[in-house]
Each structure stands twice: as structure tokens, then as C-alpha cells.
Protein backbone atom coordinates (compact mmCIF):
# COMPACT_ATOMS: atom_id res chain seq x y z
CA MET A 1 -2.07 8.85 -1.49
CA ILE A 2 -2.67 6.33 -4.29
CA ALA A 3 -6.44 6.65 -3.88
CA ARG A 4 -6.27 10.45 -4.08
CA VAL A 5 -4.27 10.30 -7.30
CA GLU A 6 -6.78 7.79 -8.72
CA ALA A 7 -9.67 10.09 -7.73
CA ILE A 8 -8.06 13.01 -9.55
CA ARG A 9 -7.23 10.85 -12.57
CA THR A 10 -10.73 9.39 -12.90
CA GLY A 11 -12.72 12.44 -11.81
CA ARG A 12 -14.46 10.47 -9.06
CA SER A 13 -14.58 11.35 -5.37
CA LEU A 14 -12.12 9.84 -2.92
CA ASN A 15 -14.96 7.88 -1.28
CA GLN A 16 -15.82 6.31 -4.62
CA GLU A 17 -12.22 5.15 -5.09
CA ILE A 18 -11.95 3.44 -1.69
CA LYS A 19 -12.95 -0.20 -2.14
CA TYR A 20 -10.96 -2.13 0.50
CA GLU A 21 -9.74 -1.91 4.08
CA PHE A 22 -6.61 -3.48 5.53
CA LYS A 23 -6.36 -4.08 9.26
CA THR A 24 -4.58 -6.52 11.51
CA LEU A 25 -6.50 -9.36 13.09
CA SER A 26 -5.29 -8.22 16.50
CA GLY A 27 -6.86 -4.80 15.92
CA ALA A 28 -3.57 -3.03 16.55
CA GLY A 29 -2.90 0.10 14.53
CA GLN A 30 -5.15 2.02 12.21
CA THR A 31 -7.34 0.60 9.46
CA LEU A 32 -5.87 1.40 6.06
CA ALA A 33 -8.41 2.44 3.40
CA LEU A 34 -7.34 1.29 -0.05
CA SER A 35 -8.31 1.83 -3.66
CA THR A 36 -8.01 -1.10 -6.06
CA HIS A 37 -4.57 0.10 -7.15
CA GLY A 38 -3.53 0.62 -3.52
CA ALA A 39 -4.56 -2.95 -2.65
CA ILE A 40 -2.45 -4.26 -5.53
CA ARG A 41 0.58 -2.24 -4.39
CA LEU A 42 0.14 -3.44 -0.79
CA ALA A 43 -0.10 -7.05 -1.99
CA ASP A 44 3.13 -6.59 -3.95
CA ALA A 45 4.86 -5.18 -0.88
CA LEU A 46 3.63 -8.06 1.28
CA ARG A 47 4.79 -10.62 -1.28
CA TRP A 48 8.21 -9.02 -1.73
CA GLY A 49 8.66 -8.73 2.02
CA ASN A 50 7.75 -12.39 2.44
CA GLU A 51 10.19 -13.43 -0.31
CA THR A 52 13.02 -11.55 1.38
CA GLY A 53 12.15 -12.79 4.86
CA CYS A 54 11.24 -9.42 6.34
CA GLN A 55 8.11 -7.43 7.10
CA PHE A 56 6.46 -5.66 4.19
CA ALA A 57 7.67 -2.15 5.08
CA VAL A 58 11.25 -3.36 5.19
CA GLY A 59 10.54 -5.40 2.08
CA LEU A 60 9.80 -2.21 0.14
CA ARG A 61 13.17 -0.77 1.09
CA THR A 62 14.96 -4.07 0.42
CA ILE A 63 13.45 -4.76 -3.01
CA TRP A 64 13.34 -1.22 -4.42
CA GLY A 65 16.51 -0.04 -2.69
CA GLN A 66 17.79 3.41 -3.55
CA ARG A 67 15.51 3.72 -6.57
CA ARG A 68 12.25 3.96 -4.57
CA GLY A 69 12.67 2.80 -0.98
CA PRO A 70 13.98 6.01 0.64
CA GLN A 71 11.15 8.03 -0.91
CA LEU A 72 8.43 5.69 0.37
CA ILE A 73 9.56 4.99 3.93
């Protein structure tokens, strides 16, 4: 979703916005295509999740709480 918004904002194609891929070392799950902004947001979520002692998805809900968490997860 972040990459699509960036593509609209910049006037570039979605393929031009995608710069990174996130995947687990075990190969489980899908590969996540990320724009630069998406990679930054994912890194924030991973960091916040690590600081709170939970996985990054739970970290989003824990850190942002009612302000953002319920809308994202």
C-alpha cells in the first residue's frame, strides 16, 4: 500500500517504486516487496517490536495503540 501511494505521489510506476524485498531466511511466507518508505516503516516496526519484547506485528499494536494499531492490523 505504501508503494502504491508513493507511485501516485511521484508519478512513477509501481515497479519503479519497489526497491527492496523482505523475506524470512526459512523461506516461510510470502516475499514482501517494499518501496524505500515501506522499508523504513518496516524497520521501525521491527525496532519497536524488539524494544517491547514482541514480534513486529504485535509491536505495531503495542506502540501505536488505539491511535493507529487497530487500523493497521
